[in-house]
């Protein structure tokens, strides 16, 4: 069984600050009151709910609704914020949802009432469902158990030894495992998380005001820091900067190393309850492209065919409507072992990661091909110093009256922000060689267009 530590601390140390959200301090006592208000709201629904979709703009409400579901033995499904959702994708259907809690029906009544009931959870019960960010034709709904999340937090603590006095700046989305896992770590290891919406211009202020010890970033955010002297100085003060979501490039490595920024490069995914491997920059001798680092405690990383395979208690229970993983998972990441080290060398041609977000290129292609004028297109990933990779559309058509601006507008209306192509290029034909797409020629077209 896993004990509900929020309830314990609300009784034993009620005025202790659990988190700060956009400058608003929230104690364990106050957060527990919100949880009970959410429980009363959910119990007042006029139907039996086994799987509840949480679709709330307030992060305080999102987190309290999640814990409320845990206490009521309801499976919480945390929906992505609208700007991250793929249009015309029924997330509730994918996750087999019974009912949705949204901003319009989330009307809670706070009551300052002392509650002494202790909640305990079965390790193999589902604590939450999170979505991958579109790493397939549709996002996948990932079931994470209490044991998955506990072991993930424990593995991170084995490396970093969190203490109660530390402050962890969380600027990652809470519907992502990267952001939500920080919340769970703060509960298990009793430190304070500082939650803000990412804003480069205000990041220095956050770090200095709260005397931040830890921060998690994606490589794109590090790019924002590189040319900002004040922000670089602020980040240098932090005990540890954790970077995940995508492989780092040499310029990021050199920046971190040359500026003596204490950094940990993390490898992981939603299906593994966040990071399961990594390495410290200051313990590395040189940039080693694609190296994923040492596996966390009790995590086995191997190759199955050409793909990276994982075995751990961190591994998800299953995809919704999928088979039980039983602690094993084969990723879409193509790997290679060199000198007893595991390297990430790429993904299937139809997958890229851009700014820390997984993108399935066929989703973009399907939107392009639904344009009002018939066209033929191909969408490819192209390396980019800031984003890691970016989606680029190449198209051909028998019709000459197609404006690139109109086609881009069509994409902007029908794709979430992270999936929108950065460039659209018109070509005479889709190049092929031996009845297969000629990616070398496509790369040439893109390079010429970028000049």
Protein backbone atom coordinates (compact mmCIF):
# COMPACT_ATOMS: atom_id res chain seq x y z
CA UNK A 1 0.00 0.00 0.00
CA UNK A 2 1.06 3.60 -0.66
CA UNK A 3 0.09 6.19 1.93
CA UNK A 4 -1.51 9.57 1.16
CA UNK A 5 1.18 11.97 2.41
CA UNK A 6 -0.85 15.09 1.58
CA UNK A 7 -3.46 14.18 4.19
CA UNK A 8 -0.74 13.36 6.73
CA UNK A 9 1.02 16.70 6.33
CA UNK A 10 -2.26 18.65 6.27
CA UNK A 11 -2.76 17.32 9.82
CA UNK A 12 0.82 17.35 11.14
CA UNK A 13 2.28 20.45 9.44
CA UNK A 14 -0.72 22.31 7.96
CA UNK A 15 1.09 25.63 7.38
CA UNK A 16 3.97 24.10 5.46
CA UNK A 17 4.06 25.43 1.89
CA UNK A 18 3.55 22.63 -0.62
CA UNK A 19 3.77 24.76 -3.76
CA UNK A 20 3.62 28.25 -5.19
CA UNK A 21 1.49 28.69 -8.32
CA UNK A 22 2.05 31.96 -10.23
CA UNK A 23 3.09 33.62 -6.95
CA UNK A 24 0.23 32.21 -4.85
CA UNK A 25 1.50 30.19 -1.87
CA UNK A 26 -0.48 27.01 -1.17
CA UNK A 27 -0.02 25.18 2.13
CA UNK A 28 -0.79 21.53 2.72
CA UNK A 29 -3.84 22.59 4.71
CA UNK A 30 -5.22 24.77 1.91
CA UNK A 31 -4.49 22.19 -0.78
CA UNK A 32 -6.22 19.50 1.27
CA UNK A 33 -9.30 21.74 1.55
CA UNK A 34 -9.33 22.05 -2.25
CA UNK A 35 -9.07 18.28 -2.59
CA UNK A 36 -12.08 17.71 -0.33
CA UNK A 37 -14.05 20.36 -2.23
CA UNK A 38 -13.26 18.49 -5.44
CA UNK A 39 -14.29 15.20 -3.85
CA UNK A 40 -17.66 16.69 -2.86
CA UNK A 41 -18.15 18.07 -6.38
CA UNK A 42 -17.38 14.72 -8.02
CA UNK A 43 -19.63 12.83 -5.61
CA UNK A 44 -22.45 15.26 -6.49
CA UNK A 45 -22.41 14.25 -10.17
CA UNK A 46 -25.68 12.60 -11.19
CA UNK A 47 -23.95 9.51 -12.55
CA UNK A 48 -21.46 6.88 -11.48
CA UNK A 49 -17.98 7.82 -12.63
CA UNK A 50 -15.13 5.35 -12.95
CA UNK A 51 -12.90 7.32 -15.34
CA UNK A 52 -12.94 11.12 -15.09
CA UNK A 53 -11.36 13.44 -17.66
CA UNK A 54 -9.77 16.51 -16.04
CA UNK A 55 -9.93 19.40 -18.51
CA UNK A 56 -9.21 22.45 -16.35
CA UNK A 57 -7.21 25.60 -17.06
CA UNK A 58 -6.36 26.12 -13.37
CA UNK A 59 -3.32 24.12 -12.27
CA UNK A 60 -4.44 24.22 -8.66
CA UNK A 61 -7.78 22.70 -9.68
CA UNK A 62 -6.11 20.15 -11.96
CA UNK A 63 -3.84 18.84 -9.20
CA UNK A 64 -6.54 18.83 -6.53
CA UNK A 65 -8.98 17.04 -8.88
CA UNK A 66 -6.34 14.38 -9.60
CA UNK A 67 -5.80 13.63 -5.90
CA UNK A 68 -9.56 13.78 -5.27
CA UNK A 69 -10.03 11.05 -7.89
CA UNK A 70 -7.32 8.96 -6.22
CA UNK A 71 -9.14 9.16 -2.90
CA UNK A 72 -12.47 8.25 -4.51
CA UNK A 73 -11.00 5.26 -6.42
CA UNK A 74 -11.72 7.00 -9.73
CA UNK A 75 -9.15 6.97 -12.52
CA UNK A 76 -8.19 10.58 -13.44
CA UNK A 77 -7.38 11.29 -17.09
CA UNK A 78 -5.45 14.56 -17.43
CA UNK A 79 -6.31 16.11 -20.79
CA UNK A 80 -3.76 18.31 -22.60
CA UNK A 81 -4.43 22.03 -22.64
CA UNK A 82 -6.35 23.02 -25.76
CA UNK A 83 -3.35 24.59 -27.52
CA UNK A 84 -1.56 21.23 -27.31
CA UNK A 85 -4.50 19.16 -28.57
CA UNK A 86 -4.68 17.78 -32.07
CA UNK A 87 -7.87 19.22 -33.67
CA UNK A 88 -10.73 16.79 -34.26
CA UNK A 89 -9.12 14.28 -31.87
CA UNK A 90 -11.46 12.83 -29.26
CA UNK A 91 -9.15 12.47 -26.26
CA UNK A 92 -11.99 11.32 -24.03
CA UNK A 93 -12.85 8.50 -26.41
CA UNK A 94 -9.21 7.39 -26.65
CA UNK A 95 -9.03 7.16 -22.85
CA UNK A 96 -12.49 5.59 -22.46
CA UNK A 97 -13.78 8.46 -20.28
CA UNK A 98 -17.12 8.35 -18.41
CA UNK A 99 -17.40 12.04 -17.62
CA UNK A 100 -15.45 15.28 -18.08
CA UNK A 101 -14.66 17.87 -15.43
CA UNK A 102 -14.12 21.22 -17.17
CA UNK A 103 -14.08 24.92 -16.34
CA UNK A 104 -17.83 25.29 -16.85
CA UNK A 105 -18.90 22.53 -14.43
CA UNK A 106 -16.07 22.91 -11.88
CA UNK A 107 -17.90 24.92 -9.25
CA UNK A 108 -16.43 24.05 -5.86
CA UNK A 109 -17.32 25.19 -2.35
CA UNK A 110 -14.39 25.44 0.05
CA UNK A 111 -15.06 24.35 3.63
CA UNK A 112 -12.39 24.64 6.31
CA UNK A 113 -13.17 21.29 7.88
CA UNK A 114 -10.68 19.01 9.62
CA UNK A 115 -10.63 15.51 8.13
CA UNK A 116 -8.79 12.68 9.86
CA UNK A 117 -9.48 9.83 7.47
CA UNK A 118 -6.31 8.17 6.16
CA UNK A 119 -6.14 7.16 2.51
CA UNK A 120 -3.99 4.27 1.30
CA UNK A 121 -3.62 3.10 -2.27
CA UNK A 122 -3.00 -0.25 -3.92
CA UNK A 123 0.34 -0.14 -5.70
CA UNK A 124 -0.99 -1.61 -8.95
CA UNK A 125 -4.03 0.67 -9.17
CA UNK A 126 -3.93 3.39 -11.84
CA UNK A 127 -3.02 6.74 -10.31
CA UNK A 128 -3.45 8.76 -13.50
CA UNK A 129 -3.71 8.60 -17.28
CA UNK A 130 -1.54 10.91 -19.39
CA UNK A 131 -1.32 11.30 -23.15
CA UNK A 132 1.67 11.05 -25.38
CA UNK A 133 2.00 14.20 -27.47
CA UNK A 134 0.97 12.69 -30.77
CA UNK A 135 3.65 10.02 -31.32
CA UNK A 136 1.23 8.02 -33.44
CA UNK A 137 -1.73 8.64 -35.73
CA UNK A 138 -3.57 9.50 -32.51
CA UNK A 139 -2.14 10.37 -29.08
CA UNK A 140 -1.89 7.31 -26.85
CA UNK A 141 -3.41 7.24 -23.39
CA UNK A 142 -0.87 5.91 -20.89
CA UNK A 143 -1.98 4.30 -17.61
CA UNK A 144 0.51 4.97 -14.80
CA UNK A 145 0.09 3.17 -11.48
CA UNK A 146 0.87 4.39 -7.97
CA UNK A 147 3.85 2.03 -8.02
CA UNK A 148 5.11 3.40 -11.36
CA UNK A 149 5.06 6.96 -10.06
CA UNK A 150 6.48 6.09 -6.63
CA UNK A 151 9.41 4.16 -8.13
CA UNK A 152 10.10 6.95 -10.60
CA UNK A 153 10.28 9.49 -7.76
CA UNK A 154 12.43 7.12 -5.71
CA UNK A 155 14.88 6.64 -8.57
CA UNK A 156 15.27 10.40 -8.99
CA UNK A 157 15.84 10.79 -5.26
CA UNK A 158 18.50 8.06 -5.30
CA UNK A 159 20.48 10.29 -7.67
CA UNK A 160 19.79 13.77 -6.28
CA UNK A 161 18.95 13.25 -2.58
CA UNK A 162 16.22 15.91 -2.34
CA UNK A 163 15.75 17.67 0.97
CA UNK A 164 12.90 19.58 2.57
CA UNK A 165 14.50 23.02 2.20
CA UNK A 166 14.86 22.86 -1.59
CA UNK A 167 12.83 24.75 -4.20
CA UNK A 168 12.13 23.18 -7.58
CA UNK A 169 11.01 25.51 -10.39
CA UNK A 170 8.40 23.70 -12.50
CA UNK A 171 7.73 25.52 -15.79
CA UNK A 172 6.67 22.41 -17.72
CA UNK A 173 3.02 21.60 -18.54
CA UNK A 174 1.22 19.55 -15.88
CA UNK A 175 -0.47 17.37 -18.50
CA UNK A 176 3.04 16.18 -19.48
CA UNK A 177 4.77 13.50 -17.44
CA UNK A 178 7.76 15.86 -17.19
CA UNK A 179 5.75 18.49 -15.31
CA UNK A 180 3.45 16.21 -13.32
CA UNK A 181 6.31 13.99 -12.13
CA UNK A 182 7.88 17.01 -10.38
CA UNK A 183 4.65 17.43 -8.40
CA UNK A 184 4.76 13.79 -7.28
CA UNK A 185 8.47 14.05 -6.35
CA UNK A 186 7.65 17.08 -4.19
CA UNK A 187 5.03 15.06 -2.32
CA UNK A 188 7.24 12.02 -1.70
CA UNK A 189 10.34 14.00 -0.76
CA UNK A 190 8.70 16.97 0.92
CA UNK A 191 10.26 19.86 -0.99
CA UNK A 192 8.47 22.91 -2.41
CA UNK A 193 7.72 23.26 -6.10
CA UNK A 194 7.36 26.68 -7.67
CA UNK A 195 4.95 26.48 -10.62
CA UNK A 196 4.95 29.16 -13.31
CA UNK A 197 4.05 29.39 -16.97
CA UNK A 198 7.27 29.45 -18.96
CA UNK A 199 8.27 32.99 -19.88
CA UNK A 200 11.88 33.63 -20.84
CA UNK A 201 11.74 37.30 -19.86
CA UNK A 202 10.62 36.47 -16.29
CA UNK A 203 12.74 33.38 -15.68
CA UNK A 204 15.61 35.30 -14.04
CA UNK A 205 13.15 36.85 -11.59
CA UNK A 206 11.69 33.43 -10.64
CA UNK A 207 15.12 31.93 -10.03
CA UNK A 208 16.35 34.84 -7.89
CA UNK A 209 13.12 35.49 -5.97
CA UNK A 210 12.68 31.90 -4.79
CA UNK A 211 16.38 30.93 -4.58
CA UNK A 212 15.70 27.97 -6.86
CA UNK A 213 17.74 24.76 -6.37
CA UNK A 214 16.35 22.67 -9.25
CA UNK A 215 14.85 23.42 -12.63
CA UNK A 216 13.73 21.15 -15.49
CA UNK A 217 14.07 22.39 -19.08
CA UNK A 218 13.72 21.10 -22.62
CA UNK A 219 16.56 21.86 -25.08
CA UNK A 220 14.61 24.69 -26.73
CA UNK A 221 14.49 26.51 -23.39
CA UNK A 222 18.26 26.14 -23.03
CA UNK A 223 18.58 27.82 -26.44
CA UNK A 224 16.69 30.78 -25.00
CA UNK A 225 19.26 31.06 -22.21
CA UNK A 226 22.40 30.88 -24.36
CA UNK A 227 22.26 34.50 -25.60
CA UNK A 228 20.89 36.03 -22.39
CA UNK A 229 23.73 37.01 -20.03
CA UNK A 230 21.49 37.75 -17.01
CA UNK A 231 19.55 34.52 -17.43
CA UNK A 232 22.79 32.58 -17.79
CA UNK A 233 24.05 34.09 -14.52
CA UNK A 234 20.80 33.14 -12.78
CA UNK A 235 20.90 29.54 -14.04
CA UNK A 236 24.53 29.20 -12.88
CA UNK A 237 23.33 29.77 -9.30
CA UNK A 238 21.01 26.74 -9.44
CA UNK A 239 22.14 23.54 -7.76
CA UNK A 240 21.11 21.43 -10.77
CA UNK A 241 19.48 22.00 -14.17
CA UNK A 242 17.75 18.90 -15.55
CA UNK A 243 17.36 18.78 -19.33
CA UNK A 244 15.11 16.24 -21.05
CA UNK A 245 12.53 15.79 -23.79
CA UNK A 246 15.08 15.46 -26.59
CA UNK A 247 18.77 14.87 -27.22
CA UNK A 248 21.03 17.89 -26.71
CA UNK A 249 23.18 19.34 -29.48
CA UNK A 250 26.88 20.14 -29.27
CA UNK A 251 26.29 23.87 -28.87
CA UNK A 252 24.08 23.20 -25.83
CA UNK A 253 26.69 20.86 -24.38
CA UNK A 254 29.47 23.42 -24.93
CA UNK A 255 27.36 26.19 -23.39
CA UNK A 256 26.63 24.18 -20.26
CA UNK A 257 30.20 22.93 -19.94
CA UNK A 258 31.96 26.23 -20.62
CA UNK A 259 29.68 28.17 -18.25
CA UNK A 260 30.02 25.56 -15.50
CA UNK A 261 26.25 25.12 -15.29
CA UNK A 262 25.56 22.06 -13.16
CA UNK A 263 23.42 19.93 -15.48
CA UNK A 264 21.90 16.47 -15.77
CA UNK A 265 20.85 15.24 -19.22
CA UNK A 266 17.81 12.97 -18.90
CA UNK A 267 16.36 10.29 -21.18
CA UNK A 268 12.80 9.05 -20.71
CA UNK A 269 9.18 9.26 -21.86
CA UNK A 270 5.57 9.14 -20.69
CA UNK A 271 5.56 5.34 -20.85
CA UNK A 272 8.50 5.21 -18.42
CA UNK A 273 6.99 7.68 -15.91
CA UNK A 274 9.58 10.35 -16.94
CA UNK A 275 13.37 9.93 -17.04
CA UNK A 276 15.00 6.51 -16.61
CA UNK A 277 18.59 7.32 -17.61
CA UNK A 278 20.96 10.25 -17.79
CA UNK A 279 24.37 11.72 -17.08
CA UNK A 280 25.98 14.76 -15.45
CA UNK A 281 27.63 17.22 -17.82
CA UNK A 282 30.44 17.99 -15.36
CA UNK A 283 31.38 14.29 -15.22
CA UNK A 284 31.68 13.94 -18.99
CA UNK A 285 34.90 14.59 -20.89
CA UNK A 286 33.46 15.55 -24.29
CA UNK A 287 30.24 15.82 -26.27
CA UNK A 288 29.06 12.31 -27.14
CA UNK A 289 26.19 12.65 -29.62
CA UNK A 290 23.15 10.51 -28.81
CA UNK A 291 24.51 9.08 -25.55
CA UNK A 292 21.58 8.53 -23.16
CA UNK A 293 23.64 8.06 -19.99
CA UNK A 294 23.55 5.56 -17.15
CA UNK A 295 20.26 3.82 -16.38
CA UNK A 296 18.53 4.68 -13.11
CA UNK A 297 18.47 2.14 -10.31
CA UNK A 298 16.61 -1.09 -11.17
CA UNK A 299 16.14 0.00 -14.79
CA UNK A 300 17.36 -2.32 -17.54
CA UNK A 301 17.97 -0.80 -20.99
CA UNK A 302 18.71 -3.03 -23.97
CA UNK A 303 18.09 -3.37 -27.70
CA UNK A 304 15.27 -5.40 -29.20
CA UNK A 305 16.17 -5.54 -32.84
CA UNK A 306 17.17 -1.94 -33.55
CA UNK A 307 14.84 -0.37 -30.99
CA UNK A 308 15.59 0.63 -27.39
CA UNK A 309 13.79 -1.67 -24.93
CA UNK A 310 13.12 -0.91 -21.26
CA UNK A 311 12.42 -3.05 -18.22
CA UNK A 312 11.56 -1.43 -14.90
CA UNK A 313 8.90 -0.87 -12.24
CA UNK A 314 8.62 2.60 -13.79
CA UNK A 315 7.12 1.21 -16.99
CA UNK A 316 3.44 2.03 -17.49
CA UNK A 317 0.77 -0.52 -16.73
CA UNK A 318 -0.50 -0.32 -20.31
CA UNK A 319 -2.01 1.89 -22.96
CA UNK A 320 -5.76 2.29 -22.47
CA UNK A 321 -7.40 -0.66 -24.24
CA UNK A 322 -3.94 -2.20 -24.68
CA UNK A 323 -2.17 -5.20 -23.16
CA UNK A 324 -0.48 -5.17 -19.76
CA UNK A 325 3.21 -4.32 -20.25
CA UNK A 326 4.30 -6.27 -17.15
CA UNK A 327 7.20 -3.90 -16.67
CA UNK A 328 8.57 -4.15 -20.21
CA UNK A 329 8.33 -1.72 -23.11
CA UNK A 330 9.89 -1.45 -26.57
CA UNK A 331 10.19 2.19 -27.62
CA UNK A 332 10.09 3.79 -31.07
CA UNK A 333 13.64 5.01 -30.47
CA UNK A 334 16.31 3.46 -32.67
CA UNK A 335 19.36 2.68 -30.57
CA UNK A 336 22.93 1.48 -30.92
CA UNK A 337 25.40 0.08 -28.41
CA UNK A 338 28.98 1.34 -28.73
CA UNK A 339 31.72 0.60 -26.17
CA UNK A 340 29.05 -0.79 -23.79
CA UNK A 341 27.11 2.50 -23.96
CA UNK A 342 23.57 2.96 -25.28
CA UNK A 343 23.02 5.65 -27.89
CA UNK A 344 19.84 7.13 -29.29
CA UNK A 345 20.38 7.51 -33.05
CA UNK A 346 16.90 8.42 -34.30
CA UNK A 347 13.30 7.41 -34.70
CA UNK A 348 11.19 5.88 -37.40
CA UNK A 349 11.00 8.22 -40.39
CA UNK A 350 7.45 9.21 -39.41
CA UNK A 351 8.41 10.50 -35.93
CA UNK A 352 10.30 13.59 -34.81
CA UNK A 353 10.72 15.53 -31.56
CA UNK A 354 10.43 19.29 -31.85
CA UNK A 355 10.94 21.47 -28.79
CA UNK A 356 10.42 18.47 -26.53
CA UNK A 357 7.12 17.46 -28.20
CA UNK A 358 6.63 14.19 -30.07
CA UNK A 359 5.22 14.72 -33.57
CA UNK A 360 3.78 12.08 -35.88
CA UNK A 361 4.41 13.51 -39.34
CA UNK A 362 1.48 11.74 -40.98
CA UNK A 363 -0.90 13.81 -38.85
CA UNK A 364 0.45 16.96 -40.55
CA UNK A 365 0.38 15.26 -43.95
CA UNK A 366 -3.29 14.29 -43.50
CA UNK A 367 -4.19 17.91 -42.71
CA UNK A 368 -2.24 19.19 -45.73
CA UNK A 369 -3.94 16.69 -48.03
CA UNK A 370 -7.37 17.91 -46.87
CA UNK A 371 -6.69 21.35 -48.34
CA UNK A 372 -9.46 22.71 -50.57
CA UNK A 373 -7.29 22.36 -53.70
CA UNK A 374 -5.94 18.86 -54.54
CA UNK A 375 -2.24 18.53 -53.70
CA UNK A 376 0.27 15.78 -53.05
CA UNK A 377 2.62 16.28 -50.12
CA UNK A 378 5.30 14.81 -47.92
CA UNK A 379 6.20 16.01 -44.43
CA UNK A 380 9.72 15.49 -43.14
CA UNK A 381 11.73 16.34 -40.06
CA UNK A 382 14.68 18.66 -40.54
CA UNK A 383 17.43 19.33 -38.01
CA UNK A 384 17.24 22.72 -36.33
CA UNK A 385 19.59 24.25 -33.75
CA UNK A 386 16.80 25.73 -31.61
CA UNK A 387 14.04 23.10 -31.86
CA UNK A 388 16.06 19.91 -32.39
CA UNK A 389 13.94 19.04 -35.43
CA UNK A 390 11.23 20.94 -37.26
CA UNK A 391 8.43 19.68 -39.54
CA UNK A 392 8.70 20.87 -43.14
CA UNK A 393 6.09 20.32 -45.85
CA UNK A 394 7.01 19.76 -49.50
CA UNK A 395 4.09 19.64 -51.93
CA UNK A 396 3.22 19.45 -55.56
CA UNK A 397 -0.02 20.16 -57.39
CA UNK A 398 -1.46 20.44 -60.90
CA UNK A 399 -3.03 23.74 -59.80
CA UNK A 400 -0.92 26.88 -59.91
CA UNK A 401 -3.21 29.09 -57.81
CA UNK A 402 -2.01 27.82 -54.42
CA UNK A 403 -0.59 30.50 -52.15
CA UNK A 404 1.90 29.28 -49.54
CA UNK A 405 0.36 31.73 -47.06
CA UNK A 406 -3.09 30.18 -47.50
CA UNK A 407 -1.73 26.68 -47.06
CA UNK A 408 0.11 27.76 -43.91
CA UNK A 409 -3.10 29.37 -42.61
CA UNK A 410 -4.91 26.07 -43.24
CA UNK A 411 -2.29 24.28 -41.11
CA UNK A 412 -2.50 26.86 -38.33
CA UNK A 413 -6.27 26.37 -38.09
CA UNK A 414 -6.15 22.59 -38.06
CA UNK A 415 -3.01 21.71 -36.11
CA UNK A 416 -1.88 22.42 -32.53
CA UNK A 417 0.91 24.95 -32.23
CA UNK A 418 3.73 22.43 -31.76
CA UNK A 419 2.75 20.52 -34.94
CA UNK A 420 2.51 23.45 -37.34
CA UNK A 421 5.11 23.25 -40.13
CA UNK A 422 7.90 25.79 -39.94
CA UNK A 423 8.26 25.91 -43.74
CA UNK A 424 6.15 24.91 -46.75
CA UNK A 425 8.03 24.38 -50.02
CA UNK A 426 6.54 23.84 -53.47
CA UNK A 427 8.39 21.35 -55.70
CA UNK A 428 7.74 19.94 -59.17
CA UNK A 429 7.27 16.38 -57.98
CA UNK A 430 7.77 14.17 -54.94
CA UNK A 431 11.22 12.65 -55.62
CA UNK A 432 11.53 8.88 -55.70
CA UNK A 433 14.36 6.42 -56.29
CA UNK A 434 13.67 2.71 -56.89
CA UNK A 435 9.98 3.31 -55.98
CA UNK A 436 10.94 4.78 -52.59
CA UNK A 437 11.02 8.37 -51.33
CA UNK A 438 14.39 9.91 -52.15
CA UNK A 439 15.20 11.62 -48.84
CA UNK A 440 18.62 12.79 -50.04
CA UNK A 441 17.00 14.80 -52.82
CA UNK A 442 14.36 16.12 -50.42
CA UNK A 443 17.16 17.25 -48.11
CA UNK A 444 18.76 19.04 -51.08
CA UNK A 445 15.47 20.83 -51.91
CA UNK A 446 15.14 22.00 -48.31
CA UNK A 447 18.76 23.16 -48.09
CA UNK A 448 18.39 25.16 -51.30
CA UNK A 449 15.13 26.70 -50.09
CA UNK A 450 16.73 27.77 -46.80
CA UNK A 451 19.52 29.74 -48.49
